[in-house]
Amino acid sequence: MLQTPISIRHTVFYIVTLNIRTLKALQDGWHGSPQVISRCYDDYQGFLSETEVELVDWLTEQGGSHFDSRVSEYVTSMSLETAMGYLTDPRTSKFYAQFIDISLKKYQAARAHAALASKANPGDITIPENFNYCRSYQSYIEATTVEEQETRNFLKAALKGAKQLLLSIRMAADDGYLDRAHLELLKRKLVALQENYPDAWAAIYGDTEELFDPTDETWW
């Protein structure tokens, strides 16, 4: 079996991670947040491998380095043909804009909720149904703070993953492993990520930043 070059494995790693995070965002948008409902969750899941779907649980329960290790194991186990298939499959690309959009809306909603809860008079507040596990006003405030931080971290990870995907494409292109056809297909993913990237960046960091310049001939 031909060995997959390291720079290609890096690119596939970030695509797989992006796929899984997008699935998680679409799940949450459909099941838990009416304000960011997405009706394409089932369609999107059908484009993913069984392992990618299973790894959503690792993202939810483990996160961080444990999740990255599992994704890395999956990517390392791929044949070169399978790995290259991730570069040339355009089906998931159009969903990436929703990934950033849902992640941004959930963070904004959680931030506003935490701010309102912290300013409310404890005697006047009614704890929302989805926080009914909170037995006191203080525990409710703590829960909204945790939710704000979790949604912030998820959005930050989305921005970081988009940037890392771009950098990995640059590395693979510089190594000579990507031709024009590959780059055009990969560009679709970045164009979708770019759609809501500046607003998401501003929400986290206060200023604006573009992911990349799609008009540049050598955009990578």
N, C-alpha and C. Protein backbone atom coordinates (compact mmCIF):
# COMPACT_ATOMS: atom_id res chain seq x y z
N MET A 1 0.83 -1.20 0.00
CA MET A 1 0.00 0.00 0.00
C MET A 1 0.87 1.25 0.00
N LEU A 2 0.60 2.17 -0.91
CA LEU A 2 1.36 3.40 -0.97
C LEU A 2 1.13 4.23 0.27
N GLN A 3 2.20 4.80 0.79
CA GLN A 3 2.11 5.61 2.01
C GLN A 3 1.60 7.01 1.67
N THR A 4 0.70 7.52 2.50
CA THR A 4 0.16 8.86 2.30
C THR A 4 1.16 9.89 2.80
N PRO A 5 1.53 10.86 1.97
CA PRO A 5 2.46 11.90 2.42
C PRO A 5 1.93 12.64 3.65
N ILE A 6 2.86 13.09 4.47
CA ILE A 6 2.49 13.73 5.74
C ILE A 6 1.62 14.96 5.49
N SER A 7 1.95 15.78 4.52
CA SER A 7 1.19 17.01 4.29
C SER A 7 -0.23 16.70 3.81
N ILE A 8 -0.40 15.59 3.09
CA ILE A 8 -1.75 15.17 2.70
C ILE A 8 -2.52 14.68 3.92
N ARG A 9 -1.84 13.92 4.78
CA ARG A 9 -2.50 13.45 6.01
C ARG A 9 -2.95 14.62 6.88
N HIS A 10 -2.13 15.65 6.96
CA HIS A 10 -2.52 16.83 7.74
C HIS A 10 -3.78 17.47 7.16
N THR A 11 -3.82 17.59 5.84
CA THR A 11 -4.99 18.20 5.20
C THR A 11 -6.23 17.36 5.45
N VAL A 12 -6.09 16.05 5.31
CA VAL A 12 -7.23 15.16 5.54
C VAL A 12 -7.66 15.21 7.01
N PHE A 13 -6.69 15.29 7.91
CA PHE A 13 -7.01 15.40 9.34
C PHE A 13 -7.92 16.60 9.59
N TYR A 14 -7.59 17.76 9.02
CA TYR A 14 -8.40 18.95 9.26
C TYR A 14 -9.75 18.89 8.55
N ILE A 15 -9.81 18.20 7.42
CA ILE A 15 -11.10 18.02 6.74
C ILE A 15 -12.00 17.12 7.58
N VAL A 16 -11.46 16.01 8.08
CA VAL A 16 -12.24 15.09 8.90
C VAL A 16 -12.72 15.80 10.17
N THR A 17 -11.82 16.53 10.82
CA THR A 17 -12.20 17.28 12.02
C THR A 17 -13.31 18.26 11.71
N LEU A 18 -13.18 18.95 10.58
CA LEU A 18 -14.20 19.90 10.15
C LEU A 18 -15.53 19.20 9.89
N ASN A 19 -15.47 18.04 9.25
CA ASN A 19 -16.69 17.28 8.99
C ASN A 19 -17.41 16.92 10.29
N ILE A 20 -16.66 16.47 11.27
CA ILE A 20 -17.25 16.04 12.54
C ILE A 20 -17.82 17.23 13.29
N ARG A 21 -17.09 18.32 13.34
CA ARG A 21 -17.58 19.51 14.03
C ARG A 21 -18.82 20.08 13.34
N THR A 22 -18.85 19.99 12.03
CA THR A 22 -20.03 20.45 11.29
C THR A 22 -21.24 19.59 11.64
N LEU A 23 -21.04 18.29 11.71
CA LEU A 23 -22.13 17.39 12.09
C LEU A 23 -22.64 17.73 13.49
N LYS A 24 -21.74 17.97 14.41
CA LYS A 24 -22.13 18.34 15.77
C LYS A 24 -22.94 19.63 15.77
N ALA A 25 -22.50 20.62 15.01
CA ALA A 25 -23.21 21.90 14.95
C ALA A 25 -24.61 21.72 14.37
N LEU A 26 -24.71 20.91 13.32
CA LEU A 26 -26.01 20.67 12.71
C LEU A 26 -26.92 19.89 13.65
N GLN A 27 -26.37 18.94 14.40
CA GLN A 27 -27.16 18.22 15.40
C GLN A 27 -27.73 19.19 16.43
N ASP A 28 -26.89 20.03 16.97
CA ASP A 28 -27.32 20.97 18.00
C ASP A 28 -28.33 21.98 17.45
N GLY A 29 -28.09 22.42 16.21
CA GLY A 29 -29.00 23.38 15.60
C GLY A 29 -30.39 22.80 15.38
N TRP A 30 -30.44 21.52 15.11
CA TRP A 30 -31.73 20.86 14.85
C TRP A 30 -32.44 20.49 16.16
N HIS A 31 -31.69 19.89 17.09
CA HIS A 31 -32.34 19.31 18.26
C HIS A 31 -32.45 20.28 19.45
N GLY A 32 -31.51 21.19 19.58
CA GLY A 32 -31.48 21.95 20.82
C GLY A 32 -31.70 23.44 20.72
N SER A 33 -31.67 23.99 19.53
CA SER A 33 -31.71 25.44 19.41
C SER A 33 -32.65 25.87 18.28
N PRO A 34 -33.92 26.11 18.60
CA PRO A 34 -34.88 26.49 17.55
C PRO A 34 -34.45 27.72 16.75
N GLN A 35 -33.69 28.60 17.39
CA GLN A 35 -33.30 29.82 16.69
C GLN A 35 -32.26 29.58 15.61
N VAL A 36 -31.65 28.41 15.61
CA VAL A 36 -30.64 28.13 14.58
C VAL A 36 -30.92 26.78 13.92
N ILE A 37 -32.19 26.47 13.76
CA ILE A 37 -32.57 25.18 13.19
C ILE A 37 -31.95 24.98 11.81
N SER A 38 -31.42 23.82 11.60
CA SER A 38 -30.96 23.41 10.29
C SER A 38 -31.75 22.16 9.90
N ARG A 39 -32.26 22.14 8.70
CA ARG A 39 -33.09 21.01 8.27
C ARG A 39 -32.33 20.07 7.33
N CYS A 40 -31.02 20.15 7.34
CA CYS A 40 -30.25 19.33 6.41
C CYS A 40 -29.32 18.36 7.13
N TYR A 41 -29.58 18.13 8.41
CA TYR A 41 -28.71 17.28 9.21
C TYR A 41 -28.61 15.87 8.64
N ASP A 42 -29.75 15.27 8.32
CA ASP A 42 -29.73 13.89 7.80
C ASP A 42 -29.00 13.80 6.47
N ASP A 43 -29.24 14.78 5.60
CA ASP A 43 -28.55 14.79 4.30
C ASP A 43 -27.04 14.84 4.50
N TYR A 44 -26.60 15.72 5.40
CA TYR A 44 -25.17 15.89 5.63
C TYR A 44 -24.56 14.61 6.21
N GLN A 45 -25.21 14.03 7.19
CA GLN A 45 -24.65 12.83 7.83
C GLN A 45 -24.44 11.73 6.81
N GLY A 46 -25.28 11.67 5.80
CA GLY A 46 -25.15 10.63 4.78
C GLY A 46 -23.88 10.73 3.96
N PHE A 47 -23.22 11.89 4.00
CA PHE A 47 -21.98 12.07 3.26
C PHE A 47 -20.75 11.65 4.06
N LEU A 48 -20.92 11.36 5.34
CA LEU A 48 -19.79 11.06 6.21
C LEU A 48 -19.61 9.55 6.36
N SER A 49 -18.40 9.18 6.73
CA SER A 49 -18.12 7.77 6.99
C SER A 49 -18.71 7.38 8.35
N GLU A 50 -18.85 6.09 8.55
CA GLU A 50 -19.36 5.59 9.83
C GLU A 50 -18.46 6.03 10.98
N THR A 51 -17.16 6.03 10.76
CA THR A 51 -16.23 6.44 11.81
C THR A 51 -16.39 7.91 12.16
N GLU A 52 -16.56 8.74 11.16
CA GLU A 52 -16.76 10.17 11.44
C GLU A 52 -18.00 10.40 12.30
N VAL A 53 -19.07 9.70 11.97
CA VAL A 53 -20.30 9.84 12.76
C VAL A 53 -20.08 9.38 14.19
N GLU A 54 -19.37 8.29 14.36
CA GLU A 54 -19.10 7.77 15.70
C GLU A 54 -18.23 8.74 16.50
N LEU A 55 -17.33 9.43 15.82
CA LEU A 55 -16.40 10.33 16.53
C LEU A 55 -17.07 11.60 17.04
N VAL A 56 -18.31 11.86 16.66
CA VAL A 56 -19.04 12.99 17.24
C VAL A 56 -19.15 12.81 18.75
N ASP A 57 -19.35 11.58 19.19
CA ASP A 57 -19.44 11.32 20.63
C ASP A 57 -18.12 11.62 21.32
N TRP A 58 -17.01 11.35 20.64
CA TRP A 58 -15.71 11.68 21.24
C TRP A 58 -15.52 13.18 21.33
N LEU A 59 -16.02 13.90 20.34
CA LEU A 59 -15.93 15.36 20.39
C LEU A 59 -16.73 15.89 21.56
N THR A 60 -17.91 15.32 21.79
CA THR A 60 -18.80 15.78 22.85
C THR A 60 -18.28 15.41 24.23
N GLU A 61 -17.83 14.16 24.37
CA GLU A 61 -17.49 13.64 25.69
C GLU A 61 -16.03 13.84 26.07
N GLN A 62 -15.14 13.82 25.09
CA GLN A 62 -13.71 13.88 25.38
C GLN A 62 -13.11 15.23 24.98
N GLY A 63 -13.27 15.56 23.68
CA GLY A 63 -12.73 16.82 23.20
C GLY A 63 -11.21 16.86 23.26
N GLY A 64 -10.66 18.01 22.92
CA GLY A 64 -9.24 18.26 23.08
C GLY A 64 -8.34 17.20 22.46
N SER A 65 -7.29 16.85 23.17
CA SER A 65 -6.26 15.96 22.64
C SER A 65 -6.79 14.54 22.44
N HIS A 66 -7.75 14.10 23.25
CA HIS A 66 -8.31 12.76 23.09
C HIS A 66 -9.04 12.65 21.74
N PHE A 67 -9.82 13.66 21.44
CA PHE A 67 -10.53 13.68 20.16
C PHE A 67 -9.53 13.73 19.00
N ASP A 68 -8.55 14.60 19.10
CA ASP A 68 -7.54 14.73 18.04
C ASP A 68 -6.81 13.41 17.81
N SER A 69 -6.53 12.70 18.90
CA SER A 69 -5.83 11.42 18.77
C SER A 69 -6.66 10.39 18.01
N ARG A 70 -7.95 10.36 18.29
CA ARG A 70 -8.82 9.42 17.59
C ARG A 70 -8.94 9.75 16.11
N VAL A 71 -9.04 11.05 15.81
CA VAL A 71 -9.10 11.46 14.40
C VAL A 71 -7.79 11.11 13.71
N SER A 72 -6.67 11.36 14.38
CA SER A 72 -5.36 11.05 13.81
C SER A 72 -5.22 9.55 13.53
N GLU A 73 -5.70 8.72 14.45
CA GLU A 73 -5.66 7.27 14.23
C GLU A 73 -6.47 6.88 13.00
N TYR A 74 -7.63 7.49 12.86
CA TYR A 74 -8.49 7.20 11.71
C TYR A 74 -7.82 7.59 10.41
N VAL A 75 -7.24 8.79 10.38
CA VAL A 75 -6.59 9.27 9.16
C VAL A 75 -5.36 8.43 8.82
N THR A 76 -4.59 8.07 9.83
CA THR A 76 -3.39 7.27 9.62
C THR A 76 -3.73 5.89 9.05
N SER A 77 -4.90 5.38 9.40
CA SER A 77 -5.29 4.04 8.93
C SER A 77 -5.78 4.04 7.48
N MET A 78 -5.98 5.20 6.89
CA MET A 78 -6.52 5.29 5.53
C MET A 78 -5.48 4.90 4.49
N SER A 79 -5.96 4.32 3.42
CA SER A 79 -5.11 4.13 2.24
C SER A 79 -4.92 5.48 1.56
N LEU A 80 -3.94 5.57 0.69
CA LEU A 80 -3.71 6.81 -0.05
C LEU A 80 -4.94 7.16 -0.89
N GLU A 81 -5.57 6.15 -1.46
CA GLU A 81 -6.76 6.39 -2.29
C GLU A 81 -7.90 7.00 -1.47
N THR A 82 -8.11 6.45 -0.27
CA THR A 82 -9.17 6.98 0.59
C THR A 82 -8.85 8.39 1.03
N ALA A 83 -7.59 8.63 1.40
CA ALA A 83 -7.19 9.97 1.82
C ALA A 83 -7.39 10.99 0.71
N MET A 84 -6.99 10.65 -0.51
CA MET A 84 -7.16 11.57 -1.63
C MET A 84 -8.63 11.80 -1.93
N GLY A 85 -9.47 10.80 -1.61
CA GLY A 85 -10.90 10.97 -1.80
C GLY A 85 -11.48 12.09 -0.96
N TYR A 86 -10.91 12.33 0.21
CA TYR A 86 -11.36 13.44 1.05
C TYR A 86 -11.05 14.79 0.40
N LEU A 87 -10.00 14.84 -0.38
CA LEU A 87 -9.63 16.08 -1.04
C LEU A 87 -10.52 16.38 -2.23
N THR A 88 -11.08 15.36 -2.82
CA THR A 88 -11.82 15.53 -4.07
C THR A 88 -13.33 15.41 -3.90
N ASP A 89 -13.79 15.16 -2.67
CA ASP A 89 -15.23 15.04 -2.42
C ASP A 89 -15.80 16.41 -2.08
N PRO A 90 -16.63 16.99 -2.97
CA PRO A 90 -17.14 18.34 -2.75
C PRO A 90 -18.45 18.38 -1.96
N ARG A 91 -19.02 17.24 -1.62
CA ARG A 91 -20.39 17.21 -1.11
C ARG A 91 -20.56 17.90 0.24
N THR A 92 -19.55 17.80 1.09
CA THR A 92 -19.68 18.40 2.43
C THR A 92 -19.41 19.90 2.43
N SER A 93 -18.79 20.39 1.38
CA SER A 93 -18.30 21.77 1.37
C SER A 93 -19.38 22.80 1.63
N LYS A 94 -20.54 22.63 0.99
CA LYS A 94 -21.59 23.65 1.09
C LYS A 94 -22.17 23.78 2.49
N PHE A 95 -21.92 22.78 3.35
CA PHE A 95 -22.46 22.81 4.71
C PHE A 95 -21.56 23.58 5.68
N TYR A 96 -20.33 23.87 5.26
CA TYR A 96 -19.38 24.50 6.18
C TYR A 96 -19.78 25.92 6.56
N ALA A 97 -20.46 26.62 5.67
CA ALA A 97 -20.92 27.97 6.01
C ALA A 97 -21.93 27.89 7.16
N GLN A 98 -22.79 26.88 7.14
CA GLN A 98 -23.76 26.70 8.22
C GLN A 98 -23.05 26.35 9.53
N PHE A 99 -21.97 25.60 9.43
CA PHE A 99 -21.20 25.25 10.61
C PHE A 99 -20.74 26.50 11.36
N ILE A 100 -20.13 27.43 10.64
CA ILE A 100 -19.68 28.66 11.28
C ILE A 100 -20.86 29.49 11.75
N ASP A 101 -21.91 29.57 10.93
CA ASP A 101 -23.08 30.38 11.26
C ASP A 101 -23.77 29.87 12.53
N ILE A 102 -24.01 28.57 12.61
CA ILE A 102 -24.65 28.00 13.79
C ILE A 102 -23.78 28.19 15.03
N SER A 103 -22.50 27.95 14.89
CA SER A 103 -21.58 28.11 16.02
C SER A 103 -21.57 29.55 16.52
N LEU A 104 -21.62 30.50 15.60
CA LEU A 104 -21.65 31.91 15.97
C LEU A 104 -22.95 32.26 16.67
N LYS A 105 -24.08 31.83 16.12
CA LYS A 105 -25.38 32.15 16.72
C LYS A 105 -25.52 31.54 18.11
N LYS A 106 -25.04 30.34 18.28
CA LYS A 106 -25.13 29.71 19.59
C LYS A 106 -24.27 30.45 20.62
N TYR A 107 -23.11 30.90 20.20
CA TYR A 107 -22.26 31.67 21.12
C TYR A 107 -22.91 33.01 21.47
N GLN A 108 -23.43 33.70 20.46
CA GLN A 108 -24.07 34.98 20.72
C GLN A 108 -25.28 34.83 21.64
N ALA A 109 -26.07 33.78 21.41
CA ALA A 109 -27.23 33.53 22.26
C ALA A 109 -26.81 33.21 23.69
N ALA A 110 -25.79 32.39 23.84
CA ALA A 110 -25.31 32.02 25.17
C ALA A 110 -24.72 33.22 25.90
N ARG A 111 -24.01 34.05 25.18
CA ARG A 111 -23.42 35.25 25.79
C ARG A 111 -24.51 36.20 26.27
N ALA A 112 -25.53 36.41 25.43
CA ALA A 112 -26.64 37.30 25.82
C ALA A 112 -27.41 36.72 27.01
N HIS A 113 -27.61 35.42 27.00
CA HIS A 113 -28.33 34.75 28.08
C HIS A 113 -27.58 34.90 29.40
N ALA A 114 -26.28 34.66 29.37
CA ALA A 114 -25.48 34.76 30.59
C ALA A 114 -25.50 36.19 31.13
N ALA A 115 -25.43 37.17 30.24
CA ALA A 115 -25.45 38.57 30.67
C ALA A 115 -26.77 38.94 31.31
N LEU A 116 -27.88 38.52 30.70
CA LEU A 116 -29.20 38.82 31.25
C LEU A 116 -29.42 38.12 32.59
N ALA A 117 -29.01 36.86 32.67
CA ALA A 117 -29.20 36.10 33.90
C ALA A 117 -28.43 36.72 35.06
N SER A 118 -27.22 37.19 34.78
CA SER A 118 -26.38 37.74 35.85
C SER A 118 -26.91 39.07 36.37
N LYS A 119 -27.70 39.78 35.56
CA LYS A 119 -28.22 41.08 35.96
C LYS A 119 -29.62 41.01 36.55
N ALA A 120 -30.25 39.84 36.45
CA ALA A 120 -31.63 39.70 36.90
C ALA A 120 -31.73 39.68 38.42
N ASN A 121 -32.87 40.11 38.91
CA ASN A 121 -33.18 40.01 40.33
C ASN A 121 -33.56 38.56 40.63
N PRO A 122 -32.86 37.90 41.55
CA PRO A 122 -33.14 36.48 41.82
C PRO A 122 -34.61 36.20 42.12
N GLY A 123 -35.29 37.15 42.73
CA GLY A 123 -36.69 36.94 43.06
C GLY A 123 -37.62 37.04 41.88
N ASP A 124 -37.15 37.64 40.80
CA ASP A 124 -38.01 37.85 39.63
C ASP A 124 -37.75 36.86 38.50
N ILE A 125 -36.73 36.04 38.66
CA ILE A 125 -36.30 35.20 37.54
C ILE A 125 -36.99 33.84 37.55
N THR A 126 -37.34 33.37 36.37
CA THR A 126 -37.85 32.01 36.18
C THR A 126 -36.81 31.22 35.42
N ILE A 127 -36.30 30.17 35.99
CA ILE A 127 -35.26 29.37 35.34
C ILE A 127 -35.85 28.66 34.13
N PRO A 128 -35.27 28.83 32.95
CA PRO A 128 -35.80 28.19 31.74
C PRO A 128 -35.84 26.67 31.86
N GLU A 129 -36.72 26.06 31.09
CA GLU A 129 -36.93 24.62 31.19
C GLU A 129 -35.65 23.83 30.90
N ASN A 130 -34.85 24.30 29.93
CA ASN A 130 -33.65 23.54 29.60
C ASN A 130 -32.54 23.70 30.65
N PHE A 131 -32.81 24.52 31.68
CA PHE A 131 -31.88 24.64 32.81
C PHE A 131 -32.55 24.16 34.10
N ASN A 132 -33.56 23.30 33.96
CA ASN A 132 -34.33 22.91 35.14
C ASN A 132 -33.55 22.00 36.10
N TYR A 133 -32.35 21.60 35.69
CA TYR A 133 -31.50 20.84 36.60
C TYR A 133 -30.84 21.74 37.64
N CYS A 134 -30.93 23.03 37.45
CA CYS A 134 -30.35 23.98 38.40
C CYS A 134 -31.32 24.16 39.57
N ARG A 135 -30.82 23.96 40.77
CA ARG A 135 -31.68 24.00 41.96
C ARG A 135 -31.64 25.34 42.68
N SER A 136 -30.87 26.26 42.18
CA SER A 136 -30.79 27.58 42.81
C SER A 136 -30.44 28.62 41.77
N TYR A 137 -30.66 29.88 42.12
CA TYR A 137 -30.31 30.97 41.21
C TYR A 137 -28.80 30.95 40.93
N GLN A 138 -28.00 30.69 41.95
CA GLN A 138 -26.55 30.68 41.78
C GLN A 138 -26.11 29.58 40.82
N SER A 139 -26.70 28.39 40.95
CA SER A 139 -26.32 27.31 40.05
C SER A 139 -26.77 27.62 38.62
N TYR A 140 -27.88 28.33 38.48
CA TYR A 140 -28.35 28.75 37.15
C TYR A 140 -27.36 29.72 36.52
N ILE A 141 -26.89 30.69 37.29
CA ILE A 141 -25.89 31.65 36.80
C ILE A 141 -24.62 30.92 36.37
N GLU A 142 -24.19 29.98 37.19
CA GLU A 142 -22.99 29.21 36.85
C GLU A 142 -23.19 28.42 35.57
N ALA A 143 -24.37 27.86 35.39
CA ALA A 143 -24.65 27.06 34.20
C ALA A 143 -24.65 27.92 32.94
N THR A 144 -25.19 29.12 33.02
CA THR A 144 -25.18 30.00 31.84
C THR A 144 -23.76 30.45 31.52
N THR A 145 -22.94 30.62 32.54
CA THR A 145 -21.54 30.99 32.32
C THR A 145 -20.79 29.86 31.64
N VAL A 146 -21.04 28.63 32.08
CA VAL A 146 -20.40 27.46 31.47
C VAL A 146 -20.83 27.33 30.02
N GLU A 147 -22.12 27.51 29.76
CA GLU A 147 -22.62 27.41 28.39
C GLU A 147 -21.97 28.46 27.49
N GLU A 148 -21.84 29.67 28.01
CA GLU A 148 -21.18 30.72 27.23
C GLU A 148 -19.74 30.33 26.89
N GLN A 149 -19.02 29.80 27.87
CA GLN A 149 -17.63 29.43 27.64
C GLN A 149 -17.52 28.26 26.67
N GLU A 150 -18.42 27.29 26.80
CA GLU A 150 -18.38 26.13 25.90
C GLU A 150 -18.67 26.53 24.46
N THR A 151 -19.65 27.38 24.25
CA THR A 151 -19.97 27.82 22.89
C THR A 151 -18.87 28.71 22.33
N ARG A 152 -18.25 29.48 23.20
CA ARG A 152 -17.11 30.30 22.76
C ARG A 152 -15.95 29.42 22.31
N ASN A 153 -15.66 28.39 23.10
CA ASN A 153 -14.56 27.48 22.76
C ASN A 153 -14.85 26.74 21.45
N PHE A 154 -16.11 26.35 21.25
CA PHE A 154 -16.48 25.64 20.02
C PHE A 154 -16.29 26.54 18.81
N LEU A 155 -16.68 27.80 18.96
CA LEU A 155 -16.52 28.75 17.85
C LEU A 155 -15.04 29.03 17.59
N LYS A 156 -14.25 29.20 18.65
CA LYS A 156 -12.81 29.41 18.49
C LYS A 156 -12.17 28.22 17.78
N ALA A 157 -12.59 27.02 18.14
CA ALA A 157 -12.06 25.82 17.49
C ALA A 157 -12.43 25.79 16.01
N ALA A 158 -13.62 26.29 15.69
CA ALA A 158 -14.04 26.35 14.28
C ALA A 158 -13.13 27.29 13.49
N LEU A 159 -12.84 28.44 14.05
CA LEU A 159 -11.96 29.41 13.38
C LEU A 159 -10.55 28.86 13.24
N LYS A 160 -10.06 28.26 14.31
CA LYS A 160 -8.71 27.69 14.28
C LYS A 160 -8.61 26.57 13.26
N GLY A 161 -9.65 25.72 13.21
CA GLY A 161 -9.64 24.60 12.26
C GLY A 161 -9.66 25.07 10.82
N ALA A 162 -10.41 26.15 10.55
CA ALA A 162 -10.44 26.70 9.19
C ALA A 162 -9.06 27.20 8.79
N LYS A 163 -8.41 27.90 9.70
CA LYS A 163 -7.07 28.42 9.41
C LYS A 163 -6.07 27.29 9.24
N GLN A 164 -6.17 26.26 10.06
CA GLN A 164 -5.25 25.13 9.96
C GLN A 164 -5.45 24.37 8.66
N LEU A 165 -6.69 24.28 8.21
CA LEU A 165 -6.95 23.63 6.92
C LEU A 165 -6.26 24.40 5.81
N LEU A 166 -6.38 25.71 5.82
CA LEU A 166 -5.73 26.54 4.80
C LEU A 166 -4.22 26.33 4.82
N LEU A 167 -3.63 26.34 6.01
CA LEU A 167 -2.18 26.18 6.11
C LEU A 167 -1.73 24.79 5.66
N SER A 168 -2.54 23.78 5.94
CA SER A 168 -2.18 22.42 5.52
C SER A 168 -2.26 22.28 4.00
N ILE A 169 -3.23 22.96 3.39
CA ILE A 169 -3.32 22.96 1.92
C ILE A 169 -2.09 23.64 1.33
N ARG A 170 -1.67 24.71 1.93
CA ARG A 170 -0.47 25.42 1.46
C ARG A 170 0.75 24.50 1.52
N MET A 171 0.86 23.76 2.61
CA MET A 171 2.00 22.85 2.77
C MET A 171 1.97 21.75 1.71
N ALA A 172 0.79 21.16 1.51
CA ALA A 172 0.67 20.08 0.52
C ALA A 172 0.92 20.60 -0.89
N ALA A 173 0.46 21.83 -1.17
CA ALA A 173 0.69 22.42 -2.50
C ALA A 173 2.17 22.69 -2.71
N ASP A 174 2.81 23.23 -1.68
CA ASP A 174 4.25 23.52 -1.78
C ASP A 174 5.06 22.24 -1.95
N ASP A 175 4.57 21.13 -1.38
CA ASP A 175 5.25 19.85 -1.52
C ASP A 175 5.00 19.20 -2.87
N GLY A 176 4.09 19.80 -3.65
CA GLY A 176 3.83 19.29 -4.99
C GLY A 176 2.81 18.16 -5.08
N TYR A 177 2.00 17.98 -4.01
CA TYR A 177 1.05 16.88 -3.99
C TYR A 177 -0.35 17.26 -4.48
N LEU A 178 -0.59 18.55 -4.69
CA LEU A 178 -1.91 19.00 -5.11
C LEU A 178 -1.83 19.66 -6.48
N ASP A 179 -2.63 19.18 -7.40
CA ASP A 179 -2.68 19.84 -8.71
C ASP A 179 -3.82 20.85 -8.72
N ARG A 180 -4.04 21.49 -9.85
CA ARG A 180 -5.06 22.53 -9.94
C ARG A 180 -6.46 22.00 -9.64
N ALA A 181 -6.73 20.78 -10.09
CA ALA A 181 -8.05 20.18 -9.85
C ALA A 181 -8.29 20.00 -8.35
N HIS A 182 -7.27 19.49 -7.65
CA HIS A 182 -7.38 19.34 -6.20
C HIS A 182 -7.62 20.69 -5.53
N LEU A 183 -6.85 21.68 -5.94
CA LEU A 183 -6.93 22.99 -5.31
C LEU A 183 -8.29 23.64 -5.54
N GLU A 184 -8.86 23.47 -6.71
CA GLU A 184 -10.17 24.05 -6.98
C GLU A 184 -11.25 23.42 -6.10
N LEU A 185 -11.16 22.11 -5.89
CA LEU A 185 -12.13 21.45 -5.03
C LEU A 185 -11.94 21.84 -3.56
N LEU A 186 -10.71 21.97 -3.14
CA LEU A 186 -10.44 22.39 -1.77
C LEU A 186 -10.84 23.84 -1.54
N LYS A 187 -10.73 24.64 -2.57
CA LYS A 187 -11.12 26.05 -2.45
C LYS A 187 -12.60 26.20 -2.11
N ARG A 188 -13.42 25.27 -2.59
CA ARG A 188 -14.86 25.32 -2.28
C ARG A 188 -15.09 25.26 -0.77
N LYS A 189 -14.29 24.46 -0.10
CA LYS A 189 -14.44 24.33 1.35
C LYS A 189 -14.10 25.66 2.03
N LEU A 190 -13.04 26.29 1.58
CA LEU A 190 -12.60 27.53 2.19
C LEU A 190 -13.54 28.69 1.86
N VAL A 191 -14.10 28.68 0.68
CA VAL A 191 -15.08 29.72 0.32
C VAL A 191 -16.30 29.62 1.24
N ALA A 192 -16.75 28.40 1.51
CA ALA A 192 -17.89 28.22 2.42
C ALA A 192 -17.53 28.67 3.83
N LEU A 193 -16.35 28.33 4.29
CA LEU A 193 -15.90 28.75 5.62
C LEU A 193 -15.75 30.26 5.71
N GLN A 194 -15.33 30.87 4.62
CA GLN A 194 -15.10 32.31 4.58
C GLN A 194 -16.39 33.10 4.77
N GLU A 195 -17.53 32.52 4.37
CA GLU A 195 -18.80 33.26 4.33
C GLU A 195 -19.12 33.93 5.67
N ASN A 196 -18.96 33.21 6.76
CA ASN A 196 -19.28 33.75 8.08
C ASN A 196 -18.06 33.91 8.98
N TYR A 197 -16.89 33.67 8.40
CA TYR A 197 -15.65 33.74 9.18
C TYR A 197 -15.38 35.14 9.76
N PRO A 198 -15.51 36.22 8.96
CA PRO A 198 -15.21 37.55 9.52
C PRO A 198 -16.11 37.92 10.71
N ASP A 199 -17.41 37.62 10.61
CA ASP A 199 -18.33 37.93 11.72
C ASP A 199 -17.99 37.09 12.95
N ALA A 200 -17.66 35.84 12.73
CA ALA A 200 -17.30 34.97 13.86
C ALA A 200 -16.01 35.46 14.52
N TRP A 201 -15.06 35.85 13.71
CA TRP A 201 -13.79 36.36 14.25
C TRP A 201 -14.04 37.62 15.08
N ALA A 202 -14.88 38.50 14.57
CA ALA A 202 -15.19 39.75 15.28
C ALA A 202 -15.88 39.46 16.61
N ALA A 203 -16.75 38.47 16.64
CA ALA A 203 -17.45 38.13 17.87
C ALA A 203 -16.50 37.64 18.96
N ILE A 204 -15.46 36.95 18.55
CA ILE A 204 -14.49 36.42 19.52
C ILE A 204 -13.41 37.43 19.87
N TYR A 205 -12.85 38.07 18.84
CA TYR A 205 -11.64 38.87 19.04
C TYR A 205 -11.85 40.38 18.94
N GLY A 206 -13.02 40.81 18.49
CA GLY A 206 -13.32 42.24 18.49
C GLY A 206 -12.95 43.00 17.24
N ASP A 207 -12.08 42.44 16.40
CA ASP A 207 -11.74 43.07 15.14
C ASP A 207 -12.17 42.13 14.01
N THR A 208 -11.83 42.45 12.80
CA THR A 208 -12.23 41.59 11.68
C THR A 208 -11.02 40.98 11.01
N GLU A 209 -11.21 39.79 10.49
CA GLU A 209 -10.16 39.11 9.74
C GLU A 209 -10.79 38.20 8.71
N GLU A 210 -10.24 38.21 7.52
CA GLU A 210 -10.68 37.30 6.47
C GLU A 210 -9.88 36.00 6.58
N LEU A 211 -10.50 34.92 6.21
CA LEU A 211 -9.79 33.65 6.21
C LEU A 211 -8.74 33.62 5.10
N PHE A 212 -9.14 34.03 3.90
CA PHE A 212 -8.22 34.05 2.77
C PHE A 212 -8.79 34.95 1.68
N ASP A 213 -8.01 35.19 0.64
CA ASP A 213 -8.45 36.01 -0.47
C ASP A 213 -8.76 35.10 -1.66
N PRO A 214 -10.04 34.83 -1.89
CA PRO A 214 -10.39 33.90 -2.97
C PRO A 214 -10.11 34.44 -4.37
N THR A 215 -9.86 35.76 -4.48
CA THR A 215 -9.58 36.34 -5.79
C THR A 215 -8.11 36.22 -6.17
N ASP A 216 -7.28 35.87 -5.20
CA ASP A 216 -5.84 35.72 -5.47
C ASP A 216 -5.62 34.43 -6.24
N GLU A 217 -4.86 34.50 -7.31
CA GLU A 217 -4.61 33.31 -8.14
C GLU A 217 -3.93 32.22 -7.32
N THR A 218 -3.02 32.61 -6.45
CA THR A 218 -2.38 31.65 -5.55
C THR A 218 -2.96 31.85 -4.14
N TRP A 219 -4.26 31.62 -3.99
CA TRP A 219 -5.00 31.91 -2.76
C TRP A 219 -4.50 31.10 -1.55
N TRP A 220 -3.88 29.99 -1.81
CA TRP A 220 -3.42 29.15 -0.72
C TRP A 220 -2.11 29.66 -0.13
